[in-house]
Amino acid sequence: MKTPTEKISSNTQSLDPFYLTIKEVSQITSLGKSSIYRLEKQGQFPKRLTLNKSRVVWTYTDVHAWCKVVKEREGYPAKDHYTF
């Protein structure tokens, strides 16, 4: 199985639909699962997509945009995409 870094590197030409699991979102953002769900409920994190009863995902594009906003808010220079 590819790591989030390998997936991003191999899919930079067509990023959507490029789905991330909760584990991958957690690795990319350094947030725990409960923090991700809490921020999502508060409207401060991208909404998940439900693929079926037991599978939810986030799009790379949405998570990337959220990371960019957080970095800009904290005074870091924004990048078009991130390497992990």
N, C-alpha and C. Protein backbone atom coordinates (compact mmCIF):
# COMPACT_ATOMS: atom_id res chain seq x y z
N MET A 1 0.84 -1.17 0.00
CA MET A 1 0.00 0.00 0.00
C MET A 1 0.89 1.24 0.00
N LYS A 2 0.52 2.22 -0.79
CA LYS A 2 1.30 3.46 -0.88
C LYS A 2 1.05 4.33 0.34
N THR A 3 2.08 5.05 0.73
CA THR A 3 1.93 6.04 1.80
C THR A 3 1.26 7.27 1.22
N PRO A 4 0.75 8.19 2.07
CA PRO A 4 0.17 9.43 1.54
C PRO A 4 1.15 10.19 0.65
N THR A 5 2.42 10.19 1.02
CA THR A 5 3.43 10.89 0.22
C THR A 5 3.54 10.27 -1.16
N GLU A 6 3.59 8.96 -1.23
CA GLU A 6 3.70 8.28 -2.52
C GLU A 6 2.45 8.52 -3.37
N LYS A 7 1.28 8.50 -2.73
CA LYS A 7 0.05 8.76 -3.47
C LYS A 7 0.05 10.16 -4.06
N ILE A 8 0.44 11.13 -3.26
CA ILE A 8 0.45 12.52 -3.72
C ILE A 8 1.45 12.69 -4.85
N SER A 9 2.63 12.13 -4.70
CA SER A 9 3.66 12.25 -5.72
C SER A 9 3.22 11.64 -7.04
N SER A 10 2.52 10.51 -6.97
CA SER A 10 2.13 9.83 -8.20
C SER A 10 0.85 10.38 -8.80
N ASN A 11 0.14 11.25 -8.08
CA ASN A 11 -1.15 11.75 -8.56
C ASN A 11 -1.20 13.26 -8.69
N THR A 12 -0.08 13.92 -8.80
CA THR A 12 -0.10 15.38 -8.82
C THR A 12 -0.73 15.94 -10.09
N GLN A 13 -0.82 15.17 -11.14
CA GLN A 13 -1.42 15.66 -12.37
C GLN A 13 -2.95 15.69 -12.28
N SER A 14 -3.53 14.73 -11.58
CA SER A 14 -4.99 14.69 -11.44
C SER A 14 -5.33 14.47 -9.96
N LEU A 15 -5.47 15.55 -9.22
CA LEU A 15 -5.63 15.44 -7.78
C LEU A 15 -7.04 15.10 -7.33
N ASP A 16 -8.05 15.42 -8.12
CA ASP A 16 -9.40 15.09 -7.71
C ASP A 16 -10.05 14.22 -8.77
N PRO A 17 -10.72 13.15 -8.47
CA PRO A 17 -10.93 12.70 -7.11
C PRO A 17 -9.73 11.90 -6.62
N PHE A 18 -9.15 12.34 -5.56
CA PHE A 18 -8.04 11.67 -4.90
C PHE A 18 -8.42 11.61 -3.44
N TYR A 19 -8.79 10.45 -2.98
CA TYR A 19 -9.38 10.32 -1.66
C TYR A 19 -8.36 9.94 -0.60
N LEU A 20 -8.56 10.50 0.59
CA LEU A 20 -7.72 10.22 1.74
C LEU A 20 -8.58 9.61 2.84
N THR A 21 -8.06 8.59 3.49
CA THR A 21 -8.73 7.99 4.64
C THR A 21 -8.48 8.86 5.87
N ILE A 22 -9.19 8.58 6.95
CA ILE A 22 -8.99 9.32 8.19
C ILE A 22 -7.55 9.17 8.67
N LYS A 23 -6.98 8.00 8.50
CA LYS A 23 -5.59 7.77 8.91
C LYS A 23 -4.64 8.66 8.11
N GLU A 24 -4.86 8.76 6.81
CA GLU A 24 -4.01 9.60 5.97
C GLU A 24 -4.21 11.08 6.27
N VAL A 25 -5.46 11.50 6.51
CA VAL A 25 -5.72 12.89 6.86
C VAL A 25 -5.02 13.22 8.17
N SER A 26 -5.08 12.31 9.11
CA SER A 26 -4.43 12.49 10.40
C SER A 26 -2.91 12.63 10.24
N GLN A 27 -2.32 11.80 9.39
CA GLN A 27 -0.87 11.87 9.14
C GLN A 27 -0.49 13.20 8.48
N ILE A 28 -1.28 13.65 7.54
CA ILE A 28 -0.97 14.87 6.80
C ILE A 28 -1.13 16.11 7.68
N THR A 29 -2.19 16.13 8.49
CA THR A 29 -2.48 17.32 9.28
C THR A 29 -1.86 17.31 10.68
N SER A 30 -1.41 16.15 11.11
CA SER A 30 -0.91 15.94 12.49
C SER A 30 -2.00 16.12 13.53
N LEU A 31 -3.25 15.96 13.13
CA LEU A 31 -4.39 16.01 14.05
C LEU A 31 -4.87 14.60 14.34
N GLY A 32 -5.38 14.38 15.54
CA GLY A 32 -5.98 13.10 15.87
C GLY A 32 -7.37 12.98 15.26
N LYS A 33 -7.87 11.76 15.22
CA LYS A 33 -9.19 11.52 14.63
C LYS A 33 -10.27 12.37 15.29
N SER A 34 -10.29 12.38 16.62
CA SER A 34 -11.36 13.12 17.30
C SER A 34 -11.26 14.62 17.03
N SER A 35 -10.05 15.14 16.89
CA SER A 35 -9.89 16.56 16.56
C SER A 35 -10.41 16.86 15.16
N ILE A 36 -10.14 15.96 14.23
CA ILE A 36 -10.63 16.14 12.85
C ILE A 36 -12.15 16.16 12.84
N TYR A 37 -12.76 15.18 13.50
CA TYR A 37 -14.22 15.12 13.53
C TYR A 37 -14.83 16.32 14.25
N ARG A 38 -14.20 16.76 15.35
CA ARG A 38 -14.69 17.92 16.09
C ARG A 38 -14.62 19.19 15.24
N LEU A 39 -13.47 19.41 14.58
CA LEU A 39 -13.32 20.59 13.72
C LEU A 39 -14.30 20.55 12.56
N GLU A 40 -14.52 19.35 12.02
CA GLU A 40 -15.49 19.21 10.92
C GLU A 40 -16.89 19.59 11.41
N LYS A 41 -17.26 19.10 12.58
CA LYS A 41 -18.58 19.41 13.14
C LYS A 41 -18.75 20.91 13.39
N GLN A 42 -17.66 21.58 13.76
CA GLN A 42 -17.69 23.02 14.02
C GLN A 42 -17.59 23.85 12.72
N GLY A 43 -17.45 23.17 11.59
CA GLY A 43 -17.35 23.87 10.31
C GLY A 43 -15.97 24.44 10.05
N GLN A 44 -14.97 23.94 10.77
CA GLN A 44 -13.60 24.46 10.63
C GLN A 44 -12.69 23.49 9.90
N PHE A 45 -13.22 22.42 9.35
CA PHE A 45 -12.44 21.43 8.60
C PHE A 45 -13.33 20.92 7.47
N PRO A 46 -12.73 20.52 6.36
CA PRO A 46 -13.54 20.03 5.23
C PRO A 46 -14.46 18.87 5.62
N LYS A 47 -15.61 18.83 4.98
CA LYS A 47 -16.56 17.75 5.22
C LYS A 47 -16.10 16.48 4.53
N ARG A 48 -16.37 15.38 5.18
CA ARG A 48 -16.03 14.07 4.62
C ARG A 48 -17.07 13.65 3.59
N LEU A 49 -16.67 12.72 2.76
CA LEU A 49 -17.57 12.11 1.78
C LEU A 49 -17.85 10.69 2.24
N THR A 50 -19.08 10.27 2.19
CA THR A 50 -19.43 8.91 2.57
C THR A 50 -19.53 8.07 1.31
N LEU A 51 -18.64 7.08 1.20
CA LEU A 51 -18.65 6.21 0.03
C LEU A 51 -19.62 5.05 0.20
N ASN A 52 -19.73 4.54 1.42
CA ASN A 52 -20.72 3.53 1.78
C ASN A 52 -20.89 3.56 3.30
N LYS A 53 -21.63 2.62 3.87
CA LYS A 53 -21.92 2.65 5.30
C LYS A 53 -20.67 2.68 6.18
N SER A 54 -19.61 2.06 5.73
CA SER A 54 -18.44 1.93 6.59
C SER A 54 -17.20 2.65 6.06
N ARG A 55 -17.36 3.48 5.03
CA ARG A 55 -16.19 4.12 4.44
C ARG A 55 -16.42 5.61 4.22
N VAL A 56 -15.62 6.43 4.91
CA VAL A 56 -15.65 7.87 4.68
C VAL A 56 -14.26 8.32 4.26
N VAL A 57 -14.22 9.36 3.44
CA VAL A 57 -12.94 9.87 2.90
C VAL A 57 -13.03 11.39 2.78
N TRP A 58 -11.89 12.00 2.58
CA TRP A 58 -11.79 13.42 2.29
C TRP A 58 -11.04 13.54 0.98
N THR A 59 -11.29 14.60 0.23
CA THR A 59 -10.53 14.78 -1.01
C THR A 59 -9.21 15.45 -0.67
N TYR A 60 -8.19 15.09 -1.41
CA TYR A 60 -6.87 15.70 -1.23
C TYR A 60 -6.98 17.21 -1.39
N THR A 61 -7.73 17.65 -2.38
CA THR A 61 -7.85 19.07 -2.67
C THR A 61 -8.41 19.84 -1.47
N ASP A 62 -9.44 19.30 -0.83
CA ASP A 62 -10.03 19.96 0.34
C ASP A 62 -9.06 20.03 1.52
N VAL A 63 -8.38 18.91 1.79
CA VAL A 63 -7.42 18.87 2.90
C VAL A 63 -6.24 19.80 2.61
N HIS A 64 -5.77 19.79 1.37
CA HIS A 64 -4.67 20.67 0.97
C HIS A 64 -5.05 22.14 1.16
N ALA A 65 -6.26 22.50 0.74
CA ALA A 65 -6.71 23.89 0.88
C ALA A 65 -6.79 24.28 2.35
N TRP A 66 -7.25 23.38 3.20
CA TRP A 66 -7.33 23.66 4.64
C TRP A 66 -5.92 23.87 5.20
N CYS A 67 -4.98 23.01 4.83
CA CYS A 67 -3.58 23.15 5.29
C CYS A 67 -3.01 24.50 4.86
N LYS A 68 -3.31 24.90 3.63
CA LYS A 68 -2.81 26.17 3.10
C LYS A 68 -3.35 27.34 3.91
N VAL A 69 -4.64 27.33 4.23
CA VAL A 69 -5.25 28.39 5.02
C VAL A 69 -4.62 28.46 6.42
N VAL A 70 -4.42 27.31 7.04
CA VAL A 70 -3.82 27.28 8.37
C VAL A 70 -2.40 27.84 8.33
N LYS A 71 -1.63 27.43 7.33
CA LYS A 71 -0.26 27.94 7.22
C LYS A 71 -0.24 29.44 7.00
N GLU A 72 -1.11 29.94 6.14
CA GLU A 72 -1.16 31.38 5.89
C GLU A 72 -1.58 32.14 7.15
N ARG A 73 -2.54 31.59 7.88
CA ARG A 73 -3.01 32.22 9.11
C ARG A 73 -1.89 32.31 10.15
N GLU A 74 -1.04 31.32 10.15
CA GLU A 74 0.06 31.28 11.11
C GLU A 74 1.30 32.03 10.62
N GLY A 75 1.22 32.61 9.42
CA GLY A 75 2.31 33.44 8.91
C GLY A 75 3.36 32.71 8.10
N TYR A 76 3.09 31.45 7.73
CA TYR A 76 4.01 30.72 6.87
C TYR A 76 3.68 31.01 5.41
N PRO A 77 4.68 31.02 4.54
CA PRO A 77 4.37 31.25 3.12
C PRO A 77 3.53 30.10 2.56
N ALA A 78 2.55 30.45 1.75
CA ALA A 78 1.69 29.44 1.13
C ALA A 78 2.41 28.79 -0.04
N LYS A 79 2.13 27.51 -0.25
CA LYS A 79 2.67 26.78 -1.40
C LYS A 79 1.50 26.26 -2.21
N ASP A 80 1.75 25.99 -3.49
CA ASP A 80 0.69 25.43 -4.32
C ASP A 80 0.39 23.99 -3.95
N HIS A 81 1.40 23.24 -3.55
CA HIS A 81 1.19 21.88 -3.07
C HIS A 81 2.32 21.54 -2.12
N TYR A 82 2.10 20.51 -1.34
CA TYR A 82 3.05 20.16 -0.30
C TYR A 82 3.71 18.83 -0.61
N THR A 83 4.96 18.72 -0.20
CA THR A 83 5.63 17.44 -0.25
C THR A 83 5.75 16.95 1.18
N PHE A 84 5.42 15.69 1.37
CA PHE A 84 5.42 15.14 2.72
C PHE A 84 6.55 14.18 2.89
